[in-house]
PDB file of all heavy atoms in Angstrom:
ATOM      1  N   PRO A   1     -60.782  59.485  20.461  1.00  0.00           N
ATOM      2  CA  PRO A   1     -61.719  59.972  19.434  1.00  0.00           C
ATOM      3  C   PRO A   1     -61.046  60.096  18.071  1.00  0.00           C
ATOM      4  O   PRO A   1     -59.909  60.568  17.960  1.00  0.00           O
ATOM      5  CB  PRO A   1     -62.141  61.342  19.973  1.00  0.00           C
ATOM      6  CG  PRO A   1     -61.902  61.273  21.445  1.00  0.00           C
ATOM      7  CD  PRO A   1     -60.693  60.405  21.607  1.00  0.00           C
ATOM      8  N   GLY A   2     -61.766  59.647  17.043  1.00  0.00           N
ATOM      9  CA  GLY A   2     -61.260  59.774  15.689  1.00  0.00           C
ATOM     10  C   GLY A   2     -60.305  58.689  15.253  1.00  0.00           C
ATOM     11  O   GLY A   2     -59.807  58.722  14.121  1.00  0.00           O
ATOM     12  N   TYR A   3     -60.069  57.678  16.112  1.00  0.00           N
ATOM     13  CA  TYR A   3     -59.135  56.622  15.716  1.00  0.00           C
ATOM     14  C   TYR A   3     -59.700  55.860  14.528  1.00  0.00           C
ATOM     15  O   TYR A   3     -60.876  55.481  14.505  1.00  0.00           O
ATOM     16  CB  TYR A   3     -58.870  55.680  16.892  1.00  0.00           C
ATOM     17  CG  TYR A   3     -57.670  54.789  16.690  1.00  0.00           C
ATOM     18  CD1 TYR A   3     -56.387  55.312  16.733  1.00  0.00           C
ATOM     19  CD2 TYR A   3     -57.818  53.432  16.453  1.00  0.00           C
ATOM     20  CE1 TYR A   3     -55.273  54.500  16.539  1.00  0.00           C
ATOM     21  CE2 TYR A   3     -56.717  52.607  16.264  1.00  0.00           C
ATOM     22  CZ  TYR A   3     -55.447  53.145  16.313  1.00  0.00           C
ATOM     23  OH  TYR A   3     -54.355  52.336  16.121  1.00  0.00           O
ATOM     24  N   PHE A   4     -58.844  55.621  13.537  1.00  0.00           N
ATOM     25  CA  PHE A   4     -59.324  55.049  12.282  1.00  0.00           C
ATOM     26  C   PHE A   4     -59.866  53.639  12.448  1.00  0.00           C
ATOM     27  O   PHE A   4     -60.875  53.270  11.827  1.00  0.00           O
ATOM     28  CB  PHE A   4     -58.200  55.048  11.246  1.00  0.00           C
ATOM     29  CG  PHE A   4     -58.541  54.324   9.977  1.00  0.00           C
ATOM     30  CD1 PHE A   4     -59.429  54.880   9.066  1.00  0.00           C
ATOM     31  CD2 PHE A   4     -58.000  53.078   9.702  1.00  0.00           C
ATOM     32  CE1 PHE A   4     -59.768  54.200   7.896  1.00  0.00           C
ATOM     33  CE2 PHE A   4     -58.329  52.396   8.539  1.00  0.00           C
ATOM     34  CZ  PHE A   4     -59.209  52.960   7.632  1.00  0.00           C
ATOM     35  N   LEU A   5     -59.218  52.829  13.273  1.00  0.00           N
ATOM     36  CA  LEU A   5     -59.583  51.409  13.412  1.00  0.00           C
ATOM     37  C   LEU A   5     -60.262  51.211  14.761  1.00  0.00           C
ATOM     38  O   LEU A   5     -59.599  51.230  15.800  1.00  0.00           O
ATOM     39  CB  LEU A   5     -58.329  50.537  13.319  1.00  0.00           C
ATOM     40  CG  LEU A   5     -58.558  49.023  13.340  1.00  0.00           C
ATOM     41  CD1 LEU A   5     -59.254  48.563  12.062  1.00  0.00           C
ATOM     42  CD2 LEU A   5     -57.249  48.275  13.542  1.00  0.00           C
ATOM     43  N   SER A   6     -61.581  51.008  14.751  1.00  0.00           N
ATOM     44  CA  SER A   6     -62.303  50.982  16.018  1.00  0.00           C
ATOM     45  C   SER A   6     -63.180  49.756  16.226  1.00  0.00           C
ATOM     46  O   SER A   6     -63.680  49.548  17.333  1.00  0.00           O
ATOM     47  CB  SER A   6     -63.181  52.239  16.146  1.00  0.00           C
ATOM     48  OG  SER A   6     -64.149  52.289  15.106  1.00  0.00           O
ATOM     49  N   ARG A   7     -63.360  48.923  15.196  1.00  0.00           N
ATOM     50  CA  ARG A   7     -64.248  47.771  15.335  1.00  0.00           C
ATOM     51  C   ARG A   7     -63.563  46.510  14.827  1.00  0.00           C
ATOM     52  O   ARG A   7     -62.717  46.549  13.924  1.00  0.00           O
ATOM     53  CB  ARG A   7     -65.568  48.009  14.599  1.00  0.00           C
ATOM     54  CG  ARG A   7     -66.324  49.246  15.112  1.00  0.00           C
ATOM     55  CD  ARG A   7     -67.681  49.383  14.452  1.00  0.00           C
ATOM     56  NE  ARG A   7     -68.605  48.353  14.894  1.00  0.00           N
ATOM     57  CZ  ARG A   7     -69.341  48.442  16.005  1.00  0.00           C
ATOM     58  NH1 ARG A   7     -69.249  49.492  16.804  1.00  0.00           N
ATOM     59  NH2 ARG A   7     -70.178  47.467  16.320  1.00  0.00           N
ATOM     60  N   GLN A   8     -63.976  45.371  15.414  1.00  0.00           N
ATOM     61  CA  GLN A   8     -63.305  44.105  15.103  1.00  0.00           C
ATOM     62  C   GLN A   8     -63.478  43.695  13.641  1.00  0.00           C
ATOM     63  O   GLN A   8     -62.523  43.250  13.000  1.00  0.00           O
ATOM     64  CB  GLN A   8     -63.830  42.998  16.034  1.00  0.00           C
ATOM     65  CG  GLN A   8     -63.725  43.318  17.508  1.00  0.00           C
ATOM     66  CD  GLN A   8     -62.327  43.638  17.983  1.00  0.00           C
ATOM     67  OE1 GLN A   8     -61.363  42.988  17.570  1.00  0.00           O
ATOM     68  NE2 GLN A   8     -62.211  44.617  18.869  1.00  0.00           N
ATOM     69  N   ASP A   9     -64.681  43.843  13.093  1.00  0.00           N
ATOM     70  CA  ASP A   9     -64.900  43.434  11.707  1.00  0.00           C
ATOM     71  C   ASP A   9     -64.065  44.277  10.741  1.00  0.00           C
ATOM     72  O   ASP A   9     -63.631  43.777   9.695  1.00  0.00           O
ATOM     73  CB  ASP A   9     -66.382  43.539  11.348  1.00  0.00           C
ATOM     74  CG  ASP A   9     -67.204  42.397  11.917  1.00  0.00           C
ATOM     75  OD1 ASP A   9     -66.605  41.412  12.411  1.00  0.00           O
ATOM     76  OD2 ASP A   9     -68.449  42.481  11.891  1.00  0.00           O
ATOM     77  N   GLN A  10     -63.857  45.541  11.088  1.00  0.00           N
ATOM     78  CA  GLN A  10     -63.005  46.402  10.266  1.00  0.00           C
ATOM     79  C   GLN A  10     -61.577  45.881  10.243  1.00  0.00           C
ATOM     80  O   GLN A  10     -60.929  45.847   9.194  1.00  0.00           O
ATOM     81  CB  GLN A  10     -63.060  47.829  10.819  1.00  0.00           C
ATOM     82  CG  GLN A  10     -62.259  48.851  10.027  1.00  0.00           C
ATOM     83  CD  GLN A  10     -62.178  50.192  10.739  1.00  0.00           C
ATOM     84  OE1 GLN A  10     -62.634  50.335  11.877  1.00  0.00           O
ATOM     85  NE2 GLN A  10     -61.587  51.174  10.085  1.00  0.00           N
ATOM     86  N   ALA A  11     -61.100  45.443  11.401  1.00  0.00           N
ATOM     87  CA  ALA A  11     -59.746  44.896  11.479  1.00  0.00           C
ATOM     88  C   ALA A  11     -59.634  43.591  10.700  1.00  0.00           C
ATOM     89  O   ALA A  11     -58.664  43.377   9.951  1.00  0.00           O
ATOM     90  CB  ALA A  11     -59.350  44.684  12.935  1.00  0.00           C
ATOM     91  N   VAL A  12     -60.612  42.714  10.861  1.00  0.00           N
ATOM     92  CA  VAL A  12     -60.574  41.425  10.159  1.00  0.00           C
ATOM     93  C   VAL A  12     -60.629  41.641   8.655  1.00  0.00           C
ATOM     94  O   VAL A  12     -59.922  40.956   7.888  1.00  0.00           O
ATOM     95  CB  VAL A  12     -61.715  40.520  10.642  1.00  0.00           C
ATOM     96  CG1 VAL A  12     -61.842  39.281   9.752  1.00  0.00           C
ATOM     97  CG2 VAL A  12     -61.490  40.107  12.087  1.00  0.00           C
ATOM     98  N   ALA A  13     -61.432  42.595   8.198  1.00  0.00           N
ATOM     99  CA  ALA A  13     -61.499  42.879   6.766  1.00  0.00           C
ATOM    100  C   ALA A  13     -60.145  43.341   6.242  1.00  0.00           C
ATOM    101  O   ALA A  13     -59.726  42.957   5.139  1.00  0.00           O
ATOM    102  CB  ALA A  13     -62.568  43.938   6.491  1.00  0.00           C
ATOM    103  N   ALA A  14     -59.434  44.151   7.020  1.00  0.00           N
ATOM    104  CA  ALA A  14     -58.109  44.599   6.608  1.00  0.00           C
ATOM    105  C   ALA A  14     -57.134  43.425   6.566  1.00  0.00           C
ATOM    106  O   ALA A  14     -56.343  43.290   5.624  1.00  0.00           O
ATOM    107  CB  ALA A  14     -57.603  45.684   7.555  1.00  0.00           C
ATOM    108  N   ILE A  15     -57.184  42.573   7.576  1.00  0.00           N
ATOM    109  CA  ILE A  15     -56.307  41.399   7.612  1.00  0.00           C
ATOM    110  C   ILE A  15     -56.552  40.515   6.398  1.00  0.00           C
ATOM    111  O   ILE A  15     -55.611  40.048   5.740  1.00  0.00           O
ATOM    112  CB  ILE A  15     -56.531  40.627   8.923  1.00  0.00           C
ATOM    113  CG1 ILE A  15     -55.974  41.418  10.115  1.00  0.00           C
ATOM    114  CG2 ILE A  15     -55.893  39.243   8.859  1.00  0.00           C
ATOM    115  CD1 ILE A  15     -56.377  40.864  11.463  1.00  0.00           C
ATOM    116  N   GLU A  16     -57.814  40.285   6.085  1.00  0.00           N
ATOM    117  CA  GLU A  16     -58.139  39.417   4.948  1.00  0.00           C
ATOM    118  C   GLU A  16     -57.776  40.072   3.621  1.00  0.00           C
ATOM    119  O   GLU A  16     -57.335  39.394   2.683  1.00  0.00           O
ATOM    120  CB  GLU A  16     -59.618  39.057   5.002  1.00  0.00           C
ATOM    121  CG  GLU A  16     -59.940  38.135   6.183  1.00  0.00           C
ATOM    122  CD  GLU A  16     -61.414  37.796   6.295  1.00  0.00           C
ATOM    123  OE1 GLU A  16     -62.237  38.488   5.648  1.00  0.00           O
ATOM    124  OE2 GLU A  16     -61.753  36.831   7.025  1.00  0.00           O
ATOM    125  N   ALA A  17     -57.911  41.406   3.531  1.00  0.00           N
ATOM    126  CA  ALA A  17     -57.560  42.103   2.293  1.00  0.00           C
ATOM    127  C   ALA A  17     -56.062  42.063   2.041  1.00  0.00           C
ATOM    128  O   ALA A  17     -55.616  41.910   0.896  1.00  0.00           O
ATOM    129  CB  ALA A  17     -58.049  43.551   2.351  1.00  0.00           C
ATOM    130  N   VAL A  18     -55.270  42.184   3.091  1.00  0.00           N
ATOM    131  CA  VAL A  18     -53.812  42.145   2.944  1.00  0.00           C
ATOM    132  C   VAL A  18     -53.358  40.719   2.648  1.00  0.00           C
ATOM    133  O   VAL A  18     -52.469  40.492   1.816  1.00  0.00           O
ATOM    134  CB  VAL A  18     -53.134  42.704   4.205  1.00  0.00           C
ATOM    135  CG1 VAL A  18     -51.620  42.475   4.170  1.00  0.00           C
ATOM    136  CG2 VAL A  18     -53.444  44.195   4.351  1.00  0.00           C
ATOM    137  N   GLY A  19     -53.938  39.744   3.336  1.00  0.00           N
ATOM    138  CA  GLY A  19     -53.670  38.349   3.027  1.00  0.00           C
ATOM    139  C   GLY A  19     -52.301  37.843   3.446  1.00  0.00           C
ATOM    140  O   GLY A  19     -51.804  36.862   2.873  1.00  0.00           O
ATOM    141  N   ALA A  20     -51.694  38.462   4.443  1.00  0.00           N
ATOM    142  CA  ALA A  20     -50.387  38.030   4.937  1.00  0.00           C
ATOM    143  C   ALA A  20     -50.573  37.132   6.152  1.00  0.00           C
ATOM    144  O   ALA A  20     -51.301  37.482   7.085  1.00  0.00           O
ATOM    145  CB  ALA A  20     -49.529  39.234   5.308  1.00  0.00           C
ATOM    146  N   ASP A  21     -49.900  35.996   6.165  1.00  0.00           N
ATOM    147  CA  ASP A  21     -50.064  35.036   7.267  1.00  0.00           C
ATOM    148  C   ASP A  21     -49.628  35.606   8.607  1.00  0.00           C
ATOM    149  O   ASP A  21     -50.110  35.153   9.658  1.00  0.00           O
ATOM    150  CB  ASP A  21     -49.269  33.758   6.978  1.00  0.00           C
ATOM    151  CG  ASP A  21     -49.858  32.942   5.838  1.00  0.00           C
ATOM    152  OD1 ASP A  21     -51.046  33.159   5.514  1.00  0.00           O
ATOM    153  OD2 ASP A  21     -49.131  32.105   5.275  1.00  0.00           O
ATOM    154  N   ASN A  22     -48.718  36.561   8.605  1.00  0.00           N
ATOM    155  CA  ASN A  22     -48.184  37.101   9.860  1.00  0.00           C
ATOM    156  C   ASN A  22     -48.876  38.392  10.293  1.00  0.00           C
ATOM    157  O   ASN A  22     -48.432  39.039  11.243  1.00  0.00           O
ATOM    158  CB  ASN A  22     -46.676  37.354   9.739  1.00  0.00           C
ATOM    159  CG  ASN A  22     -46.339  38.460   8.753  1.00  0.00           C
ATOM    160  OD1 ASN A  22     -47.016  38.614   7.731  1.00  0.00           O
ATOM    161  ND2 ASN A  22     -45.301  39.224   9.036  1.00  0.00           N
ATOM    162  N   LEU A  23     -49.971  38.776   9.637  1.00  0.00           N
ATOM    163  CA  LEU A  23     -50.765  39.930  10.061  1.00  0.00           C
ATOM    164  C   LEU A  23     -51.917  39.416  10.914  1.00  0.00           C
ATOM    165  O   LEU A  23     -52.783  38.679  10.441  1.00  0.00           O
ATOM    166  CB  LEU A  23     -51.301  40.691   8.850  1.00  0.00           C
ATOM    167  CG  LEU A  23     -52.168  41.919   9.153  1.00  0.00           C
ATOM    168  CD1 LEU A  23     -51.428  42.937  10.001  1.00  0.00           C
ATOM    169  CD2 LEU A  23     -52.672  42.556   7.857  1.00  0.00           C
ATOM    170  N   ARG A  24     -51.918  39.785  12.206  1.00  0.00           N
ATOM    171  CA  ARG A  24     -52.859  39.215  13.160  1.00  0.00           C
ATOM    172  C   ARG A  24     -53.582  40.315  13.923  1.00  0.00           C
ATOM    173  O   ARG A  24     -53.223  41.493  13.890  1.00  0.00           O
ATOM    174  CB  ARG A  24     -52.121  38.314  14.172  1.00  0.00           C
ATOM    175  CG  ARG A  24     -51.168  37.289  13.574  1.00  0.00           C
ATOM    176  CD  ARG A  24     -51.861  36.205  12.770  1.00  0.00           C
ATOM    177  NE  ARG A  24     -52.868  35.497  13.535  1.00  0.00           N
ATOM    178  CZ  ARG A  24     -52.609  34.551  14.441  1.00  0.00           C
ATOM    179  NH1 ARG A  24     -51.347  34.215  14.723  1.00  0.00           N
ATOM    180  NH2 ARG A  24     -53.593  33.931  15.071  1.00  0.00           N
ATOM    181  N   LEU A  25     -54.596  39.896  14.645  1.00  0.00           N
ATOM    182  CA  LEU A  25     -55.440  40.795  15.427  1.00  0.00           C
ATOM    183  C   LEU A  25     -54.944  40.886  16.866  1.00  0.00           C
ATOM    184  O   LEU A  25     -54.729  39.870  17.520  1.00  0.00           O
ATOM    185  CB  LEU A  25     -56.881  40.283  15.408  1.00  0.00           C
ATOM    186  CG  LEU A  25     -57.913  41.055  16.237  1.00  0.00           C
ATOM    187  CD1 LEU A  25     -58.116  42.453  15.688  1.00  0.00           C
ATOM    188  CD2 LEU A  25     -59.247  40.287  16.254  1.00  0.00           C
ATOM    189  N   GLN A  26     -54.775  42.092  17.338  1.00  0.00           N
ATOM    190  CA  GLN A  26     -54.524  42.347  18.756  1.00  0.00           C
ATOM    191  C   GLN A  26     -55.894  42.625  19.385  1.00  0.00           C
ATOM    192  O   GLN A  26     -56.463  43.694  19.214  1.00  0.00           O
ATOM    193  CB  GLN A  26     -53.591  43.542  18.918  1.00  0.00           C
ATOM    194  CG  GLN A  26     -53.191  43.851  20.346  1.00  0.00           C
ATOM    195  CD  GLN A  26     -52.090  44.900  20.392  1.00  0.00           C
ATOM    196  OE1 GLN A  26     -51.140  44.849  19.603  1.00  0.00           O
ATOM    197  NE2 GLN A  26     -52.198  45.854  21.291  1.00  0.00           N
ATOM    198  N   PHE A  27     -56.409  41.632  20.103  1.00  0.00           N
ATOM    199  CA  PHE A  27     -57.789  41.690  20.592  1.00  0.00           C
ATOM    200  C   PHE A  27     -57.785  42.208  22.025  1.00  0.00           C
ATOM    201  O   PHE A  27     -57.433  41.486  22.959  1.00  0.00           O
ATOM    202  CB  PHE A  27     -58.450  40.319  20.512  1.00  0.00           C
ATOM    203  CG  PHE A  27     -59.912  40.336  20.839  1.00  0.00           C
ATOM    204  CD1 PHE A  27     -60.854  40.646  19.871  1.00  0.00           C
ATOM    205  CD2 PHE A  27     -60.367  40.065  22.121  1.00  0.00           C
ATOM    206  CE1 PHE A  27     -62.209  40.680  20.168  1.00  0.00           C
ATOM    207  CE2 PHE A  27     -61.711  40.095  22.426  1.00  0.00           C
ATOM    208  CZ  PHE A  27     -62.636  40.405  21.450  1.00  0.00           C
ATOM    209  N   ASP A  28     -58.187  43.442  22.187  1.00  0.00           N
ATOM    210  CA  ASP A  28     -58.251  44.071  23.512  1.00  0.00           C
ATOM    211  C   ASP A  28     -59.702  44.039  23.985  1.00  0.00           C
ATOM    212  O   ASP A  28     -60.574  44.699  23.418  1.00  0.00           O
ATOM    213  CB  ASP A  28     -57.733  45.506  23.425  1.00  0.00           C
ATOM    214  CG  ASP A  28     -57.547  46.142  24.794  1.00  0.00           C
ATOM    215  OD1 ASP A  28     -58.477  46.049  25.615  1.00  0.00           O
ATOM    216  OD2 ASP A  28     -56.490  46.748  25.029  1.00  0.00           O
ATOM    217  N   LEU A  29     -59.953  43.251  25.022  1.00  0.00           N
ATOM    218  CA  LEU A  29     -61.316  43.068  25.513  1.00  0.00           C
ATOM    219  C   LEU A  29     -61.901  44.352  26.078  1.00  0.00           C
ATOM    220  O   LEU A  29     -63.120  44.572  26.003  1.00  0.00           O
ATOM    221  CB  LEU A  29     -61.326  41.957  26.561  1.00  0.00           C
ATOM    222  CG  LEU A  29     -61.117  40.557  25.969  1.00  0.00           C
ATOM    223  CD1 LEU A  29     -60.223  39.720  26.852  1.00  0.00           C
ATOM    224  CD2 LEU A  29     -62.439  39.852  25.743  1.00  0.00           C
ATOM    225  N   TYR A  30     -61.069  45.198  26.644  1.00  0.00           N
ATOM    226  CA  TYR A  30     -61.529  46.496  27.147  1.00  0.00           C
ATOM    227  C   TYR A  30     -62.107  47.337  26.013  1.00  0.00           C
ATOM    228  O   TYR A  30     -63.234  47.851  26.106  1.00  0.00           O
ATOM    229  CB  TYR A  30     -60.355  47.209  27.830  1.00  0.00           C
ATOM    230  CG  TYR A  30     -60.568  48.666  28.121  1.00  0.00           C
ATOM    231  CD1 TYR A  30     -61.289  49.093  29.233  1.00  0.00           C
ATOM    232  CD2 TYR A  30     -60.026  49.638  27.282  1.00  0.00           C
ATOM    233  CE1 TYR A  30     -61.469  50.440  29.508  1.00  0.00           C
ATOM    234  CE2 TYR A  30     -60.196  50.987  27.551  1.00  0.00           C
ATOM    235  CZ  TYR A  30     -60.923  51.388  28.655  1.00  0.00           C
ATOM    236  OH  TYR A  30     -61.094  52.728  28.922  1.00  0.00           O
ATOM    237  N   HIS A  31     -61.363  47.485  24.922  1.00  0.00           N
ATOM    238  CA  HIS A  31     -61.842  48.287  23.799  1.00  0.00           C
ATOM    239  C   HIS A  31     -63.076  47.664  23.162  1.00  0.00           C
ATOM    240  O   HIS A  31     -64.026  48.371  22.796  1.00  0.00           O
ATOM    241  CB  HIS A  31     -60.735  48.444  22.758  1.00  0.00           C
ATOM    242  CG  HIS A  31     -59.569  49.250  23.221  1.00  0.00           C
ATOM    243  ND1 HIS A  31     -59.691  50.524  23.720  1.00  0.00           N
ATOM    244  CD2 HIS A  31     -58.240  48.961  23.265  1.00  0.00           C
ATOM    245  CE1 HIS A  31     -58.496  50.998  24.050  1.00  0.00           C
ATOM    246  NE2 HIS A  31     -57.609  50.064  23.788  1.00  0.00           N
ATOM    247  N   CYS A  32     -63.062  46.343  23.023  1.00  0.00           N
ATOM    248  CA  CYS A  32     -64.201  45.669  22.396  1.00  0.00           C
ATOM    249  C   CYS A  32     -65.466  45.810  23.233  1.00  0.00           C
ATOM    250  O   CYS A  32     -66.557  46.014  22.688  1.00  0.00           O
ATOM    251  CB  CYS A  32     -63.872  44.202  22.164  1.00  0.00           C
ATOM    252  SG  CYS A  32     -65.148  43.296  21.244  1.00  0.00           S
ATOM    253  N   GLN A  33     -65.351  45.702  24.551  1.00  0.00           N
ATOM    254  CA  GLN A  33     -66.526  45.849  25.405  1.00  0.00           C
ATOM    255  C   GLN A  33     -67.148  47.234  25.244  1.00  0.00           C
ATOM    256  O   GLN A  33     -68.369  47.368  25.180  1.00  0.00           O
ATOM    257  CB  GLN A  33     -66.146  45.603  26.865  1.00  0.00           C
ATOM    258  CG  GLN A  33     -67.249  45.907  27.879  1.00  0.00           C
ATOM    259  CD  GLN A  33     -68.450  44.974  27.775  1.00  0.00           C
ATOM    260  OE1 GLN A  33     -68.413  43.976  27.055  1.00  0.00           O
ATOM    261  NE2 GLN A  33     -69.505  45.302  28.489  1.00  0.00           N
ATOM    262  N   ILE A  34     -66.333  48.265  25.165  1.00  0.00           N
ATOM    263  CA  ILE A  34     -66.846  49.626  25.042  1.00  0.00           C
ATOM    264  C   ILE A  34     -67.520  49.830  23.689  1.00  0.00           C
ATOM    265  O   ILE A  34     -68.592  50.452  23.604  1.00  0.00           O
ATOM    266  CB  ILE A  34     -65.709  50.634  25.256  1.00  0.00           C
ATOM    267  CG1 ILE A  34     -65.254  50.606  26.723  1.00  0.00           C
ATOM    268  CG2 ILE A  34     -66.142  52.051  24.873  1.00  0.00           C
ATOM    269  CD1 ILE A  34     -64.013  51.395  27.011  1.00  0.00           C
ATOM    270  N   MET A  35     -66.952  49.290  22.628  1.00  0.00           N
ATOM    271  CA  MET A  35     -67.478  49.524  21.285  1.00  0.00           C
ATOM    272  C   MET A  35     -68.584  48.556  20.882  1.00  0.00           C
ATOM    273  O   MET A  35     -69.519  48.924  20.187  1.00  0.00           O
ATOM    274  CB  MET A  35     -66.348  49.435  20.254  1.00  0.00           C
ATOM    275  CG  MET A  35     -65.289  50.510  20.383  1.00  0.00           C
ATOM    276  SD  MET A  35     -65.915  52.201  20.166  1.00  0.00           S
ATOM    277  CE  MET A  35     -66.422  52.166  18.440  1.00  0.00           C
ATOM    278  N   GLU A  36     -68.471  47.264  21.330  1.00  0.00           N
ATOM    279  CA  GLU A  36     -69.340  46.240  20.757  1.00  0.00           C
ATOM    280  C   GLU A  36     -69.925  45.262  21.758  1.00  0.00           C
ATOM    281  O   GLU A  36     -70.988  44.698  21.512  1.00  0.00           O
ATOM    282  CB  GLU A  36     -68.559  45.450  19.695  1.00  0.00           C
ATOM    283  CG  GLU A  36     -67.968  46.319  18.593  1.00  0.00           C
ATOM    284  CD  GLU A  36     -67.151  45.516  17.611  1.00  0.00           C
ATOM    285  OE1 GLU A  36     -67.725  44.634  16.939  1.00  0.00           O
ATOM    286  OE2 GLU A  36     -65.935  45.775  17.510  1.00  0.00           O
ATOM    287  N   GLY A  37     -69.232  44.988  22.871  1.00  0.00           N
ATOM    288  CA  GLY A  37     -69.712  43.981  23.815  1.00  0.00           C
ATOM    289  C   GLY A  37     -69.651  42.578  23.229  1.00  0.00           C
ATOM    290  O   GLY A  37     -68.904  42.304  22.300  1.00  0.00           O
ATOM    291  N   ASP A  38     -70.462  41.660  23.812  1.00  0.00           N
ATOM    292  CA  ASP A  38     -70.569  40.284  23.317  1.00  0.00           C
ATOM    293  C   ASP A  38     -69.191  39.632  23.222  1.00  0.00           C
ATOM    294  O   ASP A  38     -68.819  39.032  22.209  1.00  0.00           O
ATOM    295  CB  ASP A  38     -71.273  40.276  21.957  1.00  0.00           C
ATOM    296  CG  ASP A  38     -71.956  38.950  21.652  1.00  0.00           C
ATOM    297  OD1 ASP A  38     -72.162  38.157  22.600  1.00  0.00           O
ATOM    298  OD2 ASP A  38     -72.289  38.706  20.481  1.00  0.00           O
ATOM    299  N   LEU A  39     -68.424  39.711  24.303  1.00  0.00           N
ATOM    300  CA  LEU A  39     -67.003  39.380  24.262  1.00  0.00           C
ATOM    301  C   LEU A  39     -66.726  37.915  23.958  1.00  0.00           C
ATOM    302  O   LEU A  39     -65.831  37.596  23.168  1.00  0.00           O
ATOM    303  CB  LEU A  39     -66.350  39.775  25.588  1.00  0.00           C
ATOM    304  CG  LEU A  39     -66.385  41.278  25.908  1.00  0.00           C
ATOM    305  CD1 LEU A  39     -65.751  41.535  27.268  1.00  0.00           C
ATOM    306  CD2 LEU A  39     -65.694  42.086  24.821  1.00  0.00           C
ATOM    307  N   VAL A  40     -67.453  37.008  24.592  1.00  0.00           N
ATOM    308  CA  VAL A  40     -67.182  35.591  24.369  1.00  0.00           C
ATOM    309  C   VAL A  40     -67.447  35.212  22.917  1.00  0.00           C
ATOM    310  O   VAL A  40     -66.657  34.489  22.294  1.00  0.00           O
ATOM    311  CB  VAL A  40     -68.012  34.721  25.334  1.00  0.00           C
ATOM    312  CG1 VAL A  40     -67.939  33.249  24.933  1.00  0.00           C
ATOM    313  CG2 VAL A  40     -67.511  34.896  26.763  1.00  0.00           C
ATOM    314  N   ARG A  41     -68.546  35.688  22.354  1.00  0.00           N
ATOM    315  CA  ARG A  41     -68.845  35.359  20.954  1.00  0.00           C
ATOM    316  C   ARG A  41     -67.799  35.970  20.021  1.00  0.00           C
ATOM    317  O   ARG A  41     -67.414  35.366  19.008  1.00  0.00           O
ATOM    318  CB  ARG A  41     -70.248  35.851  20.583  1.00  0.00           C
ATOM    319  CG  ARG A  41     -71.350  35.091  21.289  1.00  0.00           C
ATOM    320  CD  ARG A  41     -71.411  33.628  20.845  1.00  0.00           C
ATOM    321  NE  ARG A  41     -72.433  32.879  21.550  1.00  0.00           N
ATOM    322  CZ  ARG A  41     -72.198  32.016  22.533  1.00  0.00           C
ATOM    323  NH1 ARG A  41     -70.953  31.772  22.917  1.00  0.00           N
ATOM    324  NH2 ARG A  41     -73.187  31.380  23.134  1.00  0.00           N
ATOM    325  N   HIS A  42     -67.314  37.158  20.341  1.00  0.00           N
ATOM    326  CA  HIS A  42     -66.228  37.739  19.545  1.00  0.00           C
ATOM    327  C   HIS A  42     -64.983  36.857  19.608  1.00  0.00           C
ATOM    328  O   HIS A  42     -64.343  36.597  18.580  1.00  0.00           O
ATOM    329  CB  HIS A  42     -65.895  39.157  20.038  1.00  0.00           C
ATOM    330  CG  HIS A  42     -66.716  40.231  19.418  1.00  0.00           C
ATOM    331  ND1 HIS A  42     -67.841  40.752  20.014  1.00  0.00           N
ATOM    332  CD2 HIS A  42     -66.588  40.891  18.237  1.00  0.00           C
ATOM    333  CE1 HIS A  42     -68.366  41.684  19.240  1.00  0.00           C
ATOM    334  NE2 HIS A  42     -67.615  41.792  18.148  1.00  0.00           N
TER     335      HIS A  42
END
């Protein structure tokens, strides 16, 4: 509860704002299913 980064689009926006080639997404399907679902499309 209260974790600052909880959704995929929020993470992607941060990655794009920073603009570093070596900043990547750690995609945890367990967390994504609980928050958003639609795993294959994600």
